[in-house]
Amino acid sequence: MGRPATGQTKVMGFRPPKPLRDEFEQLAAAEERKPSDALVEAMHDWVKKKRRERAAKQERPEAP
């Protein structure tokens, strides 16, 4: 089923392995956080890491 073109966030369908999902949910609950909030934070951290890696790669001189 498609989503209407209203600018809504697109659906991201993935299913992590159950042990990983269970541990993730337990960690979020221990900090009284929603798993979705913790997931968004993890995504932000990963994107920032990739930006740093890309910037560092661009700053290095090319090897001959």
N, C-alpha and C. Protein backbone atom coordinates (compact mmCIF):
# COMPACT_ATOMS: atom_id res chain seq x y z
N MET A 1 0.85 -1.18 0.00
CA MET A 1 0.00 0.00 0.00
C MET A 1 0.89 1.24 0.00
N GLY A 2 0.68 2.13 -0.94
CA GLY A 2 1.48 3.34 -1.03
C GLY A 2 1.01 4.41 -0.07
N ARG A 3 1.88 5.34 0.16
CA ARG A 3 1.54 6.46 1.04
C ARG A 3 1.18 7.66 0.18
N PRO A 4 0.26 8.48 0.67
CA PRO A 4 -0.11 9.66 -0.10
C PRO A 4 1.05 10.64 -0.19
N ALA A 5 1.09 11.43 -1.24
CA ALA A 5 2.16 12.39 -1.45
C ALA A 5 1.89 13.64 -0.63
N THR A 6 1.98 13.53 0.67
CA THR A 6 1.70 14.65 1.56
C THR A 6 2.93 15.09 2.34
N GLY A 7 4.09 14.60 1.95
CA GLY A 7 5.31 14.96 2.68
C GLY A 7 5.52 14.11 3.91
N GLN A 8 4.73 13.07 4.09
CA GLN A 8 4.90 12.20 5.24
C GLN A 8 6.20 11.43 5.12
N THR A 9 6.74 11.06 6.27
CA THR A 9 7.95 10.26 6.29
C THR A 9 7.67 8.92 5.65
N LYS A 10 8.56 8.49 4.76
CA LYS A 10 8.35 7.20 4.10
C LYS A 10 8.56 6.06 5.08
N VAL A 11 7.88 4.99 4.83
CA VAL A 11 7.99 3.81 5.66
C VAL A 11 9.35 3.16 5.42
N MET A 12 10.02 2.78 6.50
CA MET A 12 11.29 2.08 6.40
C MET A 12 11.05 0.67 6.93
N GLY A 13 10.96 -0.27 6.05
CA GLY A 13 10.68 -1.63 6.46
C GLY A 13 11.94 -2.45 6.63
N PHE A 14 12.26 -2.79 7.84
CA PHE A 14 13.36 -3.70 8.10
C PHE A 14 13.06 -4.39 9.42
N ARG A 15 13.63 -5.55 9.59
CA ARG A 15 13.41 -6.31 10.82
C ARG A 15 14.75 -6.82 11.30
N PRO A 16 15.29 -6.17 12.36
CA PRO A 16 16.57 -6.65 12.89
C PRO A 16 16.40 -8.02 13.53
N PRO A 17 17.48 -8.74 13.71
CA PRO A 17 17.38 -10.04 14.38
C PRO A 17 16.75 -9.89 15.76
N LYS A 18 15.92 -10.84 16.15
CA LYS A 18 15.16 -10.74 17.40
C LYS A 18 16.05 -10.49 18.62
N PRO A 19 17.18 -11.19 18.79
CA PRO A 19 18.01 -10.91 19.98
C PRO A 19 18.48 -9.45 20.02
N LEU A 20 18.85 -8.90 18.87
CA LEU A 20 19.29 -7.51 18.82
C LEU A 20 18.13 -6.57 19.15
N ARG A 21 16.97 -6.84 18.56
CA ARG A 21 15.79 -6.01 18.83
C ARG A 21 15.40 -6.07 20.29
N ASP A 22 15.43 -7.26 20.88
CA ASP A 22 15.07 -7.41 22.30
C ASP A 22 16.02 -6.62 23.20
N GLU A 23 17.33 -6.73 22.92
CA GLU A 23 18.30 -6.00 23.74
C GLU A 23 18.13 -4.49 23.57
N PHE A 24 17.90 -4.06 22.34
CA PHE A 24 17.68 -2.64 22.06
C PHE A 24 16.48 -2.12 22.85
N GLU A 25 15.38 -2.87 22.83
CA GLU A 25 14.19 -2.46 23.55
C GLU A 25 14.41 -2.44 25.06
N GLN A 26 15.17 -3.40 25.57
CA GLN A 26 15.49 -3.42 27.00
C GLN A 26 16.33 -2.22 27.40
N LEU A 27 17.32 -1.88 26.58
CA LEU A 27 18.17 -0.73 26.88
C LEU A 27 17.36 0.57 26.85
N ALA A 28 16.49 0.71 25.86
CA ALA A 28 15.64 1.90 25.78
C ALA A 28 14.73 1.99 27.00
N ALA A 29 14.13 0.86 27.39
CA ALA A 29 13.24 0.85 28.55
C ALA A 29 13.99 1.20 29.83
N ALA A 30 15.23 0.73 29.95
CA ALA A 30 16.03 1.01 31.14
C ALA A 30 16.28 2.50 31.30
N GLU A 31 16.31 3.22 30.17
CA GLU A 31 16.50 4.67 30.21
C GLU A 31 15.18 5.42 30.07
N GLU A 32 14.08 4.66 30.18
CA GLU A 32 12.74 5.24 30.07
C GLU A 32 12.57 6.03 28.77
N ARG A 33 13.01 5.40 27.68
CA ARG A 33 12.91 6.02 26.36
C ARG A 33 12.11 5.12 25.45
N LYS A 34 11.48 5.72 24.47
CA LYS A 34 10.81 4.94 23.45
C LYS A 34 11.87 4.37 22.52
N PRO A 35 11.71 3.12 22.10
CA PRO A 35 12.68 2.57 21.16
C PRO A 35 12.82 3.43 19.89
N SER A 36 11.73 4.02 19.43
CA SER A 36 11.81 4.84 18.22
C SER A 36 12.70 6.06 18.43
N ASP A 37 12.66 6.66 19.63
CA ASP A 37 13.52 7.80 19.92
C ASP A 37 14.99 7.38 19.93
N ALA A 38 15.27 6.22 20.53
CA ALA A 38 16.65 5.73 20.57
C ALA A 38 17.14 5.39 19.16
N LEU A 39 16.25 4.87 18.33
CA LEU A 39 16.62 4.53 16.96
C LEU A 39 16.94 5.78 16.15
N VAL A 40 16.15 6.83 16.33
CA VAL A 40 16.42 8.09 15.62
C VAL A 40 17.77 8.65 16.06
N GLU A 41 18.07 8.58 17.36
CA GLU A 41 19.37 9.05 17.85
C GLU A 41 20.50 8.24 17.22
N ALA A 42 20.33 6.92 17.12
CA ALA A 42 21.36 6.08 16.53
C ALA A 42 21.57 6.43 15.06
N MET A 43 20.49 6.72 14.36
CA MET A 43 20.61 7.10 12.96
C MET A 43 21.37 8.41 12.82
N HIS A 44 21.07 9.38 13.67
CA HIS A 44 21.78 10.66 13.64
C HIS A 44 23.27 10.44 13.89
N ASP A 45 23.58 9.62 14.89
CA ASP A 45 24.99 9.35 15.21
C ASP A 45 25.71 8.71 14.04
N TRP A 46 25.06 7.77 13.36
CA TRP A 46 25.67 7.08 12.23
C TRP A 46 25.91 8.05 11.07
N VAL A 47 24.93 8.91 10.80
CA VAL A 47 25.08 9.88 9.71
C VAL A 47 26.23 10.84 10.02
N LYS A 48 26.30 11.33 11.27
CA LYS A 48 27.39 12.23 11.65
C LYS A 48 28.75 11.54 11.50
N LYS A 49 28.82 10.26 11.88
CA LYS A 49 30.07 9.50 11.74
C LYS A 49 30.47 9.42 10.27
N LYS A 50 29.53 9.12 9.39
CA LYS A 50 29.83 9.01 7.97
C LYS A 50 30.27 10.36 7.40
N ARG A 51 29.67 11.45 7.85
CA ARG A 51 30.08 12.78 7.39
C ARG A 51 31.52 13.07 7.80
N ARG A 52 31.88 12.71 9.06
CA ARG A 52 33.26 12.92 9.52
C ARG A 52 34.23 12.09 8.70
N GLU A 53 33.87 10.82 8.45
CA GLU A 53 34.75 9.95 7.66
C GLU A 53 34.95 10.51 6.25
N ARG A 54 33.88 10.98 5.65
CA ARG A 54 33.96 11.54 4.29
C ARG A 54 34.83 12.79 4.28
N ALA A 55 34.66 13.65 5.29
CA ALA A 55 35.46 14.88 5.36
C ALA A 55 36.94 14.54 5.56
N ALA A 56 37.23 13.56 6.42
CA ALA A 56 38.62 13.17 6.67
C ALA A 56 39.24 12.61 5.40
N LYS A 57 38.47 11.84 4.65
CA LYS A 57 38.99 11.26 3.40
C LYS A 57 39.29 12.34 2.38
N GLN A 58 38.47 13.37 2.33
CA GLN A 58 38.68 14.46 1.36
C GLN A 58 39.88 15.32 1.74
N GLU A 59 40.20 15.38 3.04
CA GLU A 59 41.32 16.20 3.50
C GLU A 59 42.66 15.52 3.26
N ARG A 60 42.67 14.19 3.16
CA ARG A 60 43.93 13.47 2.93
C ARG A 60 44.42 13.66 1.51
N PRO A 61 45.71 13.89 1.35
CA PRO A 61 46.24 14.00 -0.03
C PRO A 61 46.22 12.63 -0.69
N GLU A 62 46.02 12.64 -1.97
CA GLU A 62 46.00 11.39 -2.76
C GLU A 62 47.40 10.79 -2.80
N ALA A 63 47.46 9.48 -2.69
CA ALA A 63 48.76 8.79 -2.79
C ALA A 63 49.11 8.63 -4.27
N PRO A 64 50.42 8.73 -4.60
CA PRO A 64 50.83 8.61 -6.01
C PRO A 64 50.67 7.23 -6.56
